[in-house]
Amino acid sequence: MKKLVVMASGKGSNFATILDHVKKDEINGRISALIVDKTCGAEEIAKKHNIPVFKLKTRDFTEELIKILAKVSPNYILLAGFMRILKKEVVDRYPNQIINVHPSLLPAFPGLNAVQQALNYGVKVTGCTMHFVDDKLDHGPIIAQESVSVSENDCAESLLAKIQTKEHKLYPQVVKLLCDDKITIKNRTVYVEEEKK
C-alpha cells in the first residue's frame, strides 16, 4: 500500500474526492498527511477523517516541508489546489513522485488564471491536465488529460465548474494507476500499462 501526502490551499474538493476513493479501497494507498499553507476547507476534511494536518509557515516553508516529507516518507505527493510553487530542492528530492492537476490542457495556459486565459484566447476546447511536477511551472511530463467544450455563454466560474467535474474523475484514476505501479516514464513521455484481459 502506497503512502500518499496531499497538499492543498483551498476548499479541498479534489482532496475529498481522492479520500473518498481511498476509503472505498478503490486506491491501493492511504493518505498519511495533509499539508496546508493556510487555514482552508481541506484542513477540516482531514480533521474529520483523523488525517494528520501540517500547517506550514510562510517564512520557513521549504525547510519545514522538507522535514515533514522526510518524516512521513510518502510514495507520492499529490498537489490538490495547492497554490504555492515548490522550490527546486523539494522537487529534486521527489522526482516523478509529485503530481499536480492544472485547469487547462497543458502546455496551453500554464500558471494562474488558466480558465480566464482560455476564455480570453477564445478557445473552443479546454480541460484539465494531470502531470508530474518538475522545477518549471506546469511543465512536467503529462500523465493524463480530459477535455471540456467551451460554450459562448461560459464565464470563468461556469467553465471552471465543468473542468472541476473532469478533475474529480481524472485525479483518482491517476492516483490508482500510480499506486498500482501502472505508470512509467521515458524521457518526457508517460506510459500507462494496459490491463491484461
N, C-alpha and C. Protein backbone atom coordinates (compact mmCIF):
# COMPACT_ATOMS: atom_id res chain seq x y z
N MET A 1 0.84 -1.18 0.00
CA MET A 1 0.00 0.00 0.00
C MET A 1 0.88 1.24 0.00
N LYS A 2 0.60 2.15 -0.92
CA LYS A 2 1.41 3.36 -1.06
C LYS A 2 1.00 4.42 -0.04
N LYS A 3 2.00 5.18 0.41
CA LYS A 3 1.75 6.30 1.32
C LYS A 3 1.61 7.58 0.50
N LEU A 4 0.51 8.28 0.75
CA LEU A 4 0.20 9.49 0.00
C LEU A 4 0.17 10.69 0.93
N VAL A 5 0.74 11.79 0.47
CA VAL A 5 0.61 13.07 1.16
C VAL A 5 -0.12 14.00 0.20
N VAL A 6 -1.15 14.68 0.70
CA VAL A 6 -1.87 15.64 -0.11
C VAL A 6 -1.49 17.04 0.37
N MET A 7 -1.30 17.95 -0.57
CA MET A 7 -1.03 19.35 -0.25
C MET A 7 -2.13 20.19 -0.87
N ALA A 8 -2.77 21.04 -0.04
CA ALA A 8 -3.92 21.82 -0.51
C ALA A 8 -3.91 23.22 0.08
N SER A 9 -4.60 24.13 -0.59
CA SER A 9 -4.74 25.52 -0.12
C SER A 9 -6.19 25.98 -0.12
N GLY A 10 -7.10 25.16 -0.62
CA GLY A 10 -8.47 25.64 -0.84
C GLY A 10 -9.54 24.82 -0.17
N LYS A 11 -10.70 24.76 -0.84
CA LYS A 11 -11.87 24.09 -0.29
C LYS A 11 -11.63 22.60 -0.05
N GLY A 12 -10.79 22.00 -0.88
CA GLY A 12 -10.47 20.59 -0.69
C GLY A 12 -11.32 19.64 -1.50
N SER A 13 -11.91 20.10 -2.60
CA SER A 13 -12.79 19.21 -3.37
C SER A 13 -12.02 18.05 -4.00
N ASN A 14 -10.83 18.29 -4.55
CA ASN A 14 -10.04 17.19 -5.09
C ASN A 14 -9.54 16.28 -3.97
N PHE A 15 -9.15 16.86 -2.85
CA PHE A 15 -8.73 16.07 -1.68
C PHE A 15 -9.87 15.16 -1.24
N ALA A 16 -11.08 15.70 -1.13
CA ALA A 16 -12.25 14.91 -0.70
C ALA A 16 -12.52 13.77 -1.66
N THR A 17 -12.38 14.04 -2.96
CA THR A 17 -12.62 13.01 -3.97
C THR A 17 -11.59 11.89 -3.85
N ILE A 18 -10.33 12.23 -3.71
CA ILE A 18 -9.28 11.22 -3.55
C ILE A 18 -9.52 10.42 -2.28
N LEU A 19 -9.81 11.11 -1.19
CA LEU A 19 -10.07 10.46 0.10
C LEU A 19 -11.23 9.48 -0.01
N ASP A 20 -12.29 9.87 -0.70
CA ASP A 20 -13.45 9.01 -0.89
C ASP A 20 -13.05 7.71 -1.58
N HIS A 21 -12.22 7.80 -2.62
CA HIS A 21 -11.77 6.60 -3.34
C HIS A 21 -10.85 5.74 -2.48
N VAL A 22 -10.03 6.37 -1.65
CA VAL A 22 -9.17 5.62 -0.73
C VAL A 22 -10.03 4.88 0.29
N LYS A 23 -11.01 5.56 0.86
CA LYS A 23 -11.89 4.95 1.88
C LYS A 23 -12.67 3.77 1.31
N LYS A 24 -13.00 3.82 0.02
CA LYS A 24 -13.74 2.73 -0.62
C LYS A 24 -12.80 1.61 -1.10
N ASP A 25 -11.51 1.71 -0.76
CA ASP A 25 -10.50 0.74 -1.19
C ASP A 25 -10.38 0.63 -2.71
N GLU A 26 -10.67 1.72 -3.41
CA GLU A 26 -10.52 1.74 -4.86
C GLU A 26 -9.11 2.18 -5.26
N ILE A 27 -8.36 2.68 -4.30
CA ILE A 27 -6.97 3.10 -4.50
C ILE A 27 -6.13 2.33 -3.50
N ASN A 28 -5.06 1.71 -3.98
CA ASN A 28 -4.18 0.92 -3.12
C ASN A 28 -3.18 1.84 -2.41
N GLY A 29 -3.73 2.72 -1.59
CA GLY A 29 -2.91 3.68 -0.88
C GLY A 29 -3.65 4.21 0.33
N ARG A 30 -2.92 4.94 1.16
CA ARG A 30 -3.56 5.61 2.30
C ARG A 30 -2.98 7.01 2.39
N ILE A 31 -3.83 7.94 2.81
CA ILE A 31 -3.39 9.32 2.95
C ILE A 31 -2.76 9.46 4.33
N SER A 32 -1.45 9.66 4.35
CA SER A 32 -0.69 9.72 5.60
C SER A 32 -0.70 11.11 6.21
N ALA A 33 -0.92 12.14 5.40
CA ALA A 33 -0.91 13.51 5.94
C ALA A 33 -1.49 14.47 4.91
N LEU A 34 -2.00 15.58 5.44
CA LEU A 34 -2.38 16.73 4.62
C LEU A 34 -1.47 17.87 5.02
N ILE A 35 -0.91 18.54 4.02
CA ILE A 35 -0.07 19.72 4.28
C ILE A 35 -0.78 20.92 3.67
N VAL A 36 -0.97 21.96 4.49
CA VAL A 36 -1.62 23.19 4.03
C VAL A 36 -0.71 24.37 4.31
N ASP A 37 -0.95 25.46 3.57
CA ASP A 37 -0.16 26.67 3.79
C ASP A 37 -1.01 27.78 4.40
N LYS A 38 -2.28 27.46 4.67
CA LYS A 38 -3.19 28.42 5.32
C LYS A 38 -4.41 27.65 5.80
N THR A 39 -5.21 28.27 6.63
CA THR A 39 -6.46 27.65 7.06
C THR A 39 -7.36 27.52 5.83
N CYS A 40 -7.90 26.31 5.62
CA CYS A 40 -8.70 26.07 4.42
C CYS A 40 -9.67 24.91 4.64
N GLY A 41 -10.58 24.74 3.70
CA GLY A 41 -11.57 23.67 3.79
C GLY A 41 -10.97 22.29 3.83
N ALA A 42 -9.88 22.08 3.12
CA ALA A 42 -9.22 20.77 3.11
C ALA A 42 -8.81 20.35 4.52
N GLU A 43 -8.39 21.32 5.31
CA GLU A 43 -7.97 21.06 6.69
C GLU A 43 -9.12 20.46 7.51
N GLU A 44 -10.32 21.00 7.34
CA GLU A 44 -11.50 20.50 8.06
C GLU A 44 -11.83 19.07 7.64
N ILE A 45 -11.73 18.79 6.36
CA ILE A 45 -11.99 17.44 5.85
C ILE A 45 -11.01 16.45 6.48
N ALA A 46 -9.74 16.81 6.52
CA ALA A 46 -8.72 15.93 7.10
C ALA A 46 -9.00 15.67 8.57
N LYS A 47 -9.34 16.71 9.30
CA LYS A 47 -9.61 16.55 10.74
C LYS A 47 -10.78 15.60 10.98
N LYS A 48 -11.82 15.70 10.14
CA LYS A 48 -12.99 14.81 10.27
C LYS A 48 -12.61 13.35 10.10
N HIS A 49 -11.56 13.11 9.31
CA HIS A 49 -11.15 11.74 9.00
C HIS A 49 -9.87 11.34 9.74
N ASN A 50 -9.51 12.11 10.75
CA ASN A 50 -8.33 11.81 11.58
C ASN A 50 -7.04 11.68 10.77
N ILE A 51 -6.91 12.51 9.76
CA ILE A 51 -5.67 12.55 8.97
C ILE A 51 -4.81 13.67 9.54
N PRO A 52 -3.56 13.38 9.88
CA PRO A 52 -2.69 14.43 10.43
C PRO A 52 -2.56 15.62 9.47
N VAL A 53 -2.65 16.82 10.03
CA VAL A 53 -2.55 18.05 9.25
C VAL A 53 -1.32 18.82 9.69
N PHE A 54 -0.53 19.25 8.73
CA PHE A 54 0.63 20.10 8.99
C PHE A 54 0.40 21.43 8.30
N LYS A 55 0.43 22.51 9.08
CA LYS A 55 0.26 23.85 8.51
C LYS A 55 1.62 24.52 8.49
N LEU A 56 2.08 24.87 7.30
CA LEU A 56 3.42 25.43 7.15
C LEU A 56 3.41 26.95 7.24
N LYS A 57 4.42 27.47 7.89
CA LYS A 57 4.59 28.92 7.98
C LYS A 57 5.25 29.42 6.69
N THR A 58 4.89 30.61 6.31
CA THR A 58 5.44 31.19 5.09
C THR A 58 6.94 31.37 5.17
N ARG A 59 7.42 31.81 6.33
CA ARG A 59 8.83 32.17 6.47
C ARG A 59 9.77 30.98 6.25
N ASP A 60 9.46 29.85 6.87
CA ASP A 60 10.35 28.68 6.79
C ASP A 60 9.72 27.57 5.95
N PHE A 61 8.93 27.94 4.97
CA PHE A 61 8.10 26.99 4.25
C PHE A 61 8.89 25.80 3.70
N THR A 62 9.89 26.05 2.87
CA THR A 62 10.61 24.96 2.21
C THR A 62 11.33 24.08 3.21
N GLU A 63 11.98 24.68 4.17
CA GLU A 63 12.70 23.92 5.20
C GLU A 63 11.73 23.02 5.99
N GLU A 64 10.60 23.57 6.40
CA GLU A 64 9.60 22.78 7.14
C GLU A 64 9.04 21.66 6.28
N LEU A 65 8.75 21.97 5.02
CA LEU A 65 8.19 20.97 4.12
C LEU A 65 9.14 19.80 3.94
N ILE A 66 10.41 20.08 3.74
CA ILE A 66 11.41 19.02 3.57
C ILE A 66 11.44 18.12 4.81
N LYS A 67 11.39 18.72 5.99
CA LYS A 67 11.40 17.93 7.24
C LYS A 67 10.17 17.04 7.36
N ILE A 68 9.00 17.60 7.07
CA ILE A 68 7.76 16.83 7.18
C ILE A 68 7.76 15.67 6.19
N LEU A 69 8.13 15.94 4.96
CA LEU A 69 8.15 14.89 3.94
C LEU A 69 9.16 13.80 4.29
N ALA A 70 10.29 14.18 4.84
CA ALA A 70 11.29 13.18 5.26
C ALA A 70 10.72 12.30 6.36
N LYS A 71 9.97 12.90 7.27
CA LYS A 71 9.37 12.16 8.38
C LYS A 71 8.27 11.21 7.90
N VAL A 72 7.40 11.69 7.03
CA VAL A 72 6.27 10.90 6.55
C VAL A 72 6.72 9.88 5.49
N SER A 73 7.71 10.22 4.71
CA SER A 73 8.28 9.36 3.67
C SER A 73 7.21 8.83 2.69
N PRO A 74 6.55 9.74 1.97
CA PRO A 74 5.48 9.31 1.06
C PRO A 74 6.02 8.71 -0.23
N ASN A 75 5.20 7.84 -0.83
CA ASN A 75 5.49 7.37 -2.17
C ASN A 75 5.13 8.43 -3.20
N TYR A 76 3.99 9.14 -2.92
CA TYR A 76 3.54 10.19 -3.83
C TYR A 76 3.04 11.39 -3.05
N ILE A 77 3.27 12.56 -3.62
CA ILE A 77 2.81 13.84 -3.06
C ILE A 77 1.82 14.40 -4.07
N LEU A 78 0.58 14.59 -3.62
CA LEU A 78 -0.50 15.00 -4.51
C LEU A 78 -0.86 16.45 -4.26
N LEU A 79 -0.61 17.30 -5.23
CA LEU A 79 -0.97 18.71 -5.11
C LEU A 79 -2.42 18.85 -5.58
N ALA A 80 -3.28 19.25 -4.66
CA ALA A 80 -4.72 19.33 -4.93
C ALA A 80 -5.18 20.75 -4.62
N GLY A 81 -4.99 21.64 -5.58
CA GLY A 81 -5.33 23.03 -5.35
C GLY A 81 -4.34 23.71 -4.43
N PHE A 82 -3.10 23.27 -4.48
CA PHE A 82 -2.05 23.88 -3.66
C PHE A 82 -1.49 25.06 -4.44
N MET A 83 -1.56 26.25 -3.85
CA MET A 83 -1.30 27.48 -4.60
C MET A 83 0.09 28.07 -4.37
N ARG A 84 1.05 27.22 -4.09
CA ARG A 84 2.44 27.69 -3.96
C ARG A 84 3.30 26.90 -4.93
N ILE A 85 4.33 27.53 -5.41
CA ILE A 85 5.29 26.84 -6.27
C ILE A 85 6.33 26.18 -5.38
N LEU A 86 6.55 24.88 -5.60
CA LEU A 86 7.55 24.16 -4.82
C LEU A 86 8.94 24.50 -5.34
N LYS A 87 9.85 24.72 -4.42
CA LYS A 87 11.24 25.04 -4.79
C LYS A 87 11.95 23.81 -5.35
N LYS A 88 12.98 24.08 -6.12
CA LYS A 88 13.77 23.02 -6.77
C LYS A 88 14.29 22.00 -5.77
N GLU A 89 14.70 22.46 -4.56
CA GLU A 89 15.25 21.50 -3.60
C GLU A 89 14.21 20.49 -3.12
N VAL A 90 12.92 20.84 -3.17
CA VAL A 90 11.86 19.89 -2.82
C VAL A 90 11.62 18.95 -4.00
N VAL A 91 11.44 19.52 -5.17
CA VAL A 91 11.14 18.73 -6.36
C VAL A 91 12.26 17.73 -6.65
N ASP A 92 13.51 18.15 -6.49
CA ASP A 92 14.65 17.26 -6.76
C ASP A 92 14.70 16.06 -5.82
N ARG A 93 14.16 16.20 -4.62
CA ARG A 93 14.15 15.08 -3.66
C ARG A 93 13.10 14.03 -4.00
N TYR A 94 12.10 14.41 -4.79
CA TYR A 94 10.98 13.52 -5.10
C TYR A 94 10.71 13.49 -6.61
N PRO A 95 11.70 13.04 -7.40
CA PRO A 95 11.49 13.04 -8.85
C PRO A 95 10.37 12.07 -9.24
N ASN A 96 9.47 12.53 -10.08
CA ASN A 96 8.35 11.73 -10.57
C ASN A 96 7.49 11.15 -9.44
N GLN A 97 7.44 11.89 -8.32
CA GLN A 97 6.61 11.48 -7.20
C GLN A 97 5.63 12.58 -6.80
N ILE A 98 5.78 13.76 -7.38
CA ILE A 98 4.88 14.87 -7.07
C ILE A 98 3.95 15.05 -8.26
N ILE A 99 2.64 15.03 -7.98
CA ILE A 99 1.62 15.08 -9.02
C ILE A 99 0.80 16.36 -8.84
N ASN A 100 0.45 16.99 -9.95
CA ASN A 100 -0.37 18.20 -9.90
C ASN A 100 -1.52 18.08 -10.90
N VAL A 101 -2.61 18.76 -10.58
CA VAL A 101 -3.70 18.91 -11.55
C VAL A 101 -3.75 20.39 -11.91
N HIS A 102 -3.91 20.66 -13.21
CA HIS A 102 -3.95 22.04 -13.69
C HIS A 102 -5.18 22.22 -14.56
N PRO A 103 -5.91 23.34 -14.40
CA PRO A 103 -7.16 23.52 -15.14
C PRO A 103 -7.00 24.06 -16.57
N SER A 104 -6.16 23.38 -17.33
CA SER A 104 -6.07 23.64 -18.78
C SER A 104 -5.45 22.42 -19.42
N LEU A 105 -5.48 22.39 -20.73
CA LEU A 105 -4.80 21.33 -21.47
C LEU A 105 -3.37 21.80 -21.73
N LEU A 106 -2.49 21.50 -20.78
CA LEU A 106 -1.10 21.92 -20.92
C LEU A 106 -0.52 21.33 -22.20
N PRO A 107 0.38 22.03 -22.88
CA PRO A 107 1.13 23.20 -22.42
C PRO A 107 0.40 24.54 -22.57
N ALA A 108 -0.87 24.53 -22.98
CA ALA A 108 -1.61 25.79 -23.10
C ALA A 108 -1.98 26.33 -21.72
N PHE A 109 -1.87 27.61 -21.54
CA PHE A 109 -2.35 28.35 -20.37
C PHE A 109 -1.79 27.86 -19.03
N PRO A 110 -0.47 27.84 -18.88
CA PRO A 110 0.12 27.50 -17.58
C PRO A 110 -0.05 28.65 -16.60
N GLY A 111 0.20 28.37 -15.34
CA GLY A 111 0.20 29.42 -14.32
C GLY A 111 -1.18 29.77 -13.81
N LEU A 112 -1.27 30.93 -13.18
CA LEU A 112 -2.52 31.38 -12.57
C LEU A 112 -3.55 31.78 -13.62
N ASN A 113 -4.80 31.72 -13.22
CA ASN A 113 -5.93 32.18 -14.05
C ASN A 113 -6.02 31.47 -15.40
N ALA A 114 -5.74 30.17 -15.39
CA ALA A 114 -5.75 29.40 -16.64
C ALA A 114 -7.12 29.42 -17.32
N VAL A 115 -8.18 29.37 -16.53
CA VAL A 115 -9.52 29.35 -17.10
C VAL A 115 -9.82 30.69 -17.79
N GLN A 116 -9.49 31.77 -17.14
CA GLN A 116 -9.70 33.09 -17.75
C GLN A 116 -8.81 33.27 -18.97
N GLN A 117 -7.58 32.75 -18.90
CA GLN A 117 -6.69 32.81 -20.07
C GLN A 117 -7.33 32.12 -21.26
N ALA A 118 -7.94 30.94 -21.02
CA ALA A 118 -8.58 30.18 -22.10
C ALA A 118 -9.75 30.97 -22.69
N LEU A 119 -10.56 31.57 -21.82
CA LEU A 119 -11.68 32.39 -22.30
C LEU A 119 -11.19 33.59 -23.10
N ASN A 120 -10.18 34.26 -22.59
CA ASN A 120 -9.64 35.44 -23.28
C ASN A 120 -9.08 35.08 -24.65
N TYR A 121 -8.52 33.89 -24.77
CA TYR A 121 -7.93 33.46 -26.04
C TYR A 121 -8.98 33.03 -27.04
N GLY A 122 -10.16 32.66 -26.52
CA GLY A 122 -11.24 32.25 -27.41
C GLY A 122 -11.21 30.79 -27.82
N VAL A 123 -10.58 29.93 -27.01
CA VAL A 123 -10.52 28.51 -27.37
C VAL A 123 -11.91 27.89 -27.34
N LYS A 124 -12.09 26.85 -28.10
CA LYS A 124 -13.37 26.12 -28.14
C LYS A 124 -13.33 24.90 -27.23
N VAL A 125 -12.12 24.46 -26.88
CA VAL A 125 -11.92 23.30 -26.01
C VAL A 125 -10.83 23.64 -25.02
N THR A 126 -11.04 23.28 -23.77
CA THR A 126 -10.00 23.35 -22.75
C THR A 126 -10.16 22.11 -21.89
N GLY A 127 -9.67 22.11 -20.67
CA GLY A 127 -9.82 20.92 -19.85
C GLY A 127 -8.90 20.94 -18.66
N CYS A 128 -8.47 19.74 -18.27
CA CYS A 128 -7.54 19.63 -17.14
C CYS A 128 -6.43 18.66 -17.49
N THR A 129 -5.31 18.85 -16.83
CA THR A 129 -4.11 18.04 -17.06
C THR A 129 -3.57 17.55 -15.74
N MET A 130 -3.30 16.26 -15.66
CA MET A 130 -2.56 15.67 -14.54
C MET A 130 -1.13 15.52 -15.01
N HIS A 131 -0.19 16.05 -14.23
CA HIS A 131 1.21 15.97 -14.66
C HIS A 131 2.14 15.79 -13.46
N PHE A 132 3.31 15.23 -13.74
CA PHE A 132 4.36 15.19 -12.75
C PHE A 132 4.93 16.59 -12.61
N VAL A 133 5.36 16.92 -11.42
CA VAL A 133 5.92 18.25 -11.15
C VAL A 133 7.43 18.20 -11.34
N ASP A 134 7.94 19.15 -12.10
CA ASP A 134 9.38 19.33 -12.20
C ASP A 134 9.71 20.75 -11.72
N ASP A 135 10.91 21.22 -12.02
CA ASP A 135 11.34 22.51 -11.47
C ASP A 135 10.87 23.72 -12.28
N LYS A 136 10.00 23.48 -13.27
CA LYS A 136 9.41 24.59 -14.02
C LYS A 136 7.90 24.59 -13.80
N LEU A 137 7.27 25.72 -13.92
CA LEU A 137 5.84 25.86 -13.65
C LEU A 137 4.99 25.13 -14.68
N ASP A 138 4.14 24.20 -14.20
CA ASP A 138 3.18 23.48 -15.04
C ASP A 138 3.85 22.90 -16.29
N HIS A 139 4.97 22.25 -16.09
CA HIS A 139 5.83 21.83 -17.19
C HIS A 139 6.11 20.33 -17.22
N GLY A 140 5.99 19.64 -16.10
CA GLY A 140 6.42 18.24 -16.02
C GLY A 140 5.67 17.32 -16.96
N PRO A 141 6.16 16.08 -17.10
CA PRO A 141 5.55 15.11 -18.01
C PRO A 141 4.05 14.95 -17.75
N ILE A 142 3.29 14.94 -18.83
CA ILE A 142 1.82 14.85 -18.75
C ILE A 142 1.42 13.39 -18.58
N ILE A 143 0.59 13.15 -17.55
CA ILE A 143 0.11 11.79 -17.27
C ILE A 143 -1.21 11.54 -17.99
N ALA A 144 -2.15 12.48 -17.87
CA ALA A 144 -3.47 12.31 -18.47
C ALA A 144 -4.14 13.67 -18.63
N GLN A 145 -5.07 13.72 -19.57
CA GLN A 145 -5.82 14.96 -19.81
C GLN A 145 -7.28 14.62 -20.11
N GLU A 146 -8.16 15.52 -19.74
CA GLU A 146 -9.59 15.43 -20.07
C GLU A 146 -10.00 16.77 -20.65
N SER A 147 -10.82 16.74 -21.68
CA SER A 147 -11.23 17.99 -22.31
C SER A 147 -12.68 18.33 -21.99
N VAL A 148 -12.99 19.62 -22.09
CA VAL A 148 -14.37 20.12 -21.99
C VAL A 148 -14.57 21.14 -23.10
N SER A 149 -15.79 21.20 -23.60
CA SER A 149 -16.14 22.21 -24.60
C SER A 149 -16.38 23.55 -23.92
N VAL A 150 -15.98 24.60 -24.60
CA VAL A 150 -16.23 25.95 -24.10
C VAL A 150 -17.42 26.50 -24.89
N SER A 151 -18.48 26.86 -24.17
CA SER A 151 -19.64 27.43 -24.86
C SER A 151 -19.52 28.95 -24.87
N GLU A 152 -20.23 29.59 -25.78
CA GLU A 152 -20.13 31.05 -25.85
C GLU A 152 -20.76 31.72 -24.64
N ASN A 153 -21.56 30.97 -23.88
CA ASN A 153 -22.17 31.52 -22.66
C ASN A 153 -21.30 31.33 -21.42
N ASP A 154 -20.19 30.60 -21.55
CA ASP A 154 -19.36 30.31 -20.38
C ASP A 154 -18.69 31.57 -19.84
N CYS A 155 -18.65 31.66 -18.52
CA CYS A 155 -17.82 32.64 -17.83
C CYS A 155 -16.76 31.83 -17.08
N ALA A 156 -15.86 32.48 -16.40
CA ALA A 156 -14.79 31.77 -15.70
C ALA A 156 -15.36 30.77 -14.69
N GLU A 157 -16.41 31.15 -13.97
CA GLU A 157 -16.99 30.27 -12.94
C GLU A 157 -17.64 29.04 -13.55
N SER A 158 -18.43 29.22 -14.61
CA SER A 158 -19.12 28.07 -15.22
C SER A 158 -18.13 27.13 -15.89
N LEU A 159 -17.11 27.69 -16.53
CA LEU A 159 -16.11 26.86 -17.18
C LEU A 159 -15.28 26.11 -16.15
N LEU A 160 -14.91 26.78 -15.07
CA LEU A 160 -14.16 26.11 -14.00
C LEU A 160 -14.98 24.96 -13.42
N ALA A 161 -16.28 25.15 -13.24
CA ALA A 161 -17.13 24.07 -12.71
C ALA A 161 -17.10 22.85 -13.63
N LYS A 162 -17.14 23.07 -14.94
CA LYS A 162 -17.06 21.96 -15.90
C LYS A 162 -15.70 21.25 -15.79
N ILE A 163 -14.65 22.05 -15.68
CA ILE A 163 -13.30 21.48 -15.59
C ILE A 163 -13.15 20.69 -14.29
N GLN A 164 -13.65 21.23 -13.18
CA GLN A 164 -13.51 20.53 -11.90
C GLN A 164 -14.26 19.20 -11.89
N THR A 165 -15.37 19.12 -12.59
CA THR A 165 -16.08 17.84 -12.71
C THR A 165 -15.15 16.80 -13.34
N LYS A 166 -14.43 17.21 -14.36
CA LYS A 166 -13.46 16.30 -15.01
C LYS A 166 -12.29 15.98 -14.08
N GLU A 167 -11.80 17.00 -13.34
CA GLU A 167 -10.70 16.78 -12.39
C GLU A 167 -11.08 15.72 -11.36
N HIS A 168 -12.30 15.80 -10.84
CA HIS A 168 -12.74 14.88 -9.79
C HIS A 168 -12.85 13.44 -10.29
N LYS A 169 -12.98 13.27 -11.59
CA LYS A 169 -12.97 11.94 -12.20
C LYS A 169 -11.53 11.48 -12.48
N LEU A 170 -10.74 12.40 -13.03
CA LEU A 170 -9.40 12.05 -13.50
C LEU A 170 -8.39 11.84 -12.37
N TYR A 171 -8.43 12.70 -11.36
CA TYR A 171 -7.42 12.63 -10.29
C TYR A 171 -7.39 11.26 -9.62
N PRO A 172 -8.54 10.72 -9.15
CA PRO A 172 -8.48 9.39 -8.52
C PRO A 172 -8.04 8.29 -9.48
N GLN A 173 -8.39 8.41 -10.76
CA GLN A 173 -7.95 7.41 -11.73
C GLN A 173 -6.42 7.39 -11.83
N VAL A 174 -5.83 8.57 -11.89
CA VAL A 174 -4.37 8.66 -11.99
C VAL A 174 -3.70 8.16 -10.72
N VAL A 175 -4.24 8.51 -9.56
CA VAL A 175 -3.67 8.05 -8.29
C VAL A 175 -3.75 6.52 -8.21
N LYS A 176 -4.86 5.96 -8.65
CA LYS A 176 -4.99 4.49 -8.67
C LYS A 176 -3.92 3.86 -9.54
N LEU A 177 -3.72 4.41 -10.74
CA LEU A 177 -2.69 3.87 -11.64
C LEU A 177 -1.30 3.96 -11.00
N LEU A 178 -1.01 5.08 -10.35
CA LEU A 178 0.29 5.23 -9.68
C LEU A 178 0.45 4.21 -8.57
N CYS A 179 -0.58 4.06 -7.74
CA CYS A 179 -0.50 3.14 -6.61
C CYS A 179 -0.45 1.68 -7.05
N ASP A 180 -0.95 1.40 -8.24
CA ASP A 180 -0.89 0.04 -8.80
C ASP A 180 0.36 -0.17 -9.66
N ASP A 181 1.28 0.80 -9.64
CA ASP A 181 2.53 0.71 -10.42
C ASP A 181 2.28 0.50 -11.92
N LYS A 182 1.30 1.21 -12.45
CA LYS A 182 0.93 1.07 -13.86
C LYS A 182 1.50 2.18 -14.74
N ILE A 183 2.26 3.10 -14.14
CA ILE A 183 2.77 4.25 -14.89
C ILE A 183 4.29 4.23 -14.93
N THR A 184 4.83 4.41 -16.13
CA THR A 184 6.28 4.55 -16.30
C THR A 184 6.55 5.79 -17.16
N ILE A 185 7.77 6.30 -17.03
CA ILE A 185 8.15 7.49 -17.79
C ILE A 185 9.45 7.21 -18.53
N LYS A 186 9.48 7.57 -19.81
CA LYS A 186 10.72 7.53 -20.59
C LYS A 186 10.85 8.89 -21.23
N ASN A 187 11.96 9.57 -20.91
CA ASN A 187 12.15 10.96 -21.31
C ASN A 187 10.98 11.77 -20.76
N ARG A 188 10.19 12.40 -21.61
CA ARG A 188 9.02 13.16 -21.13
C ARG A 188 7.71 12.41 -21.34
N THR A 189 7.79 11.23 -21.90
CA THR A 189 6.56 10.51 -22.24
C THR A 189 6.16 9.57 -21.11
N VAL A 190 4.88 9.67 -20.72
CA VAL A 190 4.33 8.81 -19.68
C VAL A 190 3.57 7.67 -20.35
N TYR A 191 3.85 6.45 -19.91
CA TYR A 191 3.19 5.26 -20.45
C TYR A 191 2.34 4.64 -19.36
N VAL A 192 1.13 4.23 -19.73
CA VAL A 192 0.22 3.57 -18.81
C VAL A 192 0.10 2.12 -19.24
N GLU A 193 0.41 1.21 -18.31
CA GLU A 193 0.32 -0.22 -18.60
C GLU A 193 -1.15 -0.60 -18.77
N GLU A 194 -1.44 -1.27 -19.86
CA GLU A 194 -2.83 -1.69 -20.13
C GLU A 194 -3.20 -2.86 -19.22
N GLU A 195 -4.49 -2.92 -18.87
CA GLU A 195 -5.00 -4.06 -18.11
C GLU A 195 -4.92 -5.31 -18.98
N LYS A 196 -4.48 -6.42 -18.36
CA LYS A 196 -4.44 -7.68 -19.10
C LYS A 196 -5.82 -8.30 -19.09
N LYS A 197 -6.24 -8.75 -20.27
CA LYS A 197 -7.60 -9.34 -20.37
C LYS A 197 -7.54 -10.83 -20.31
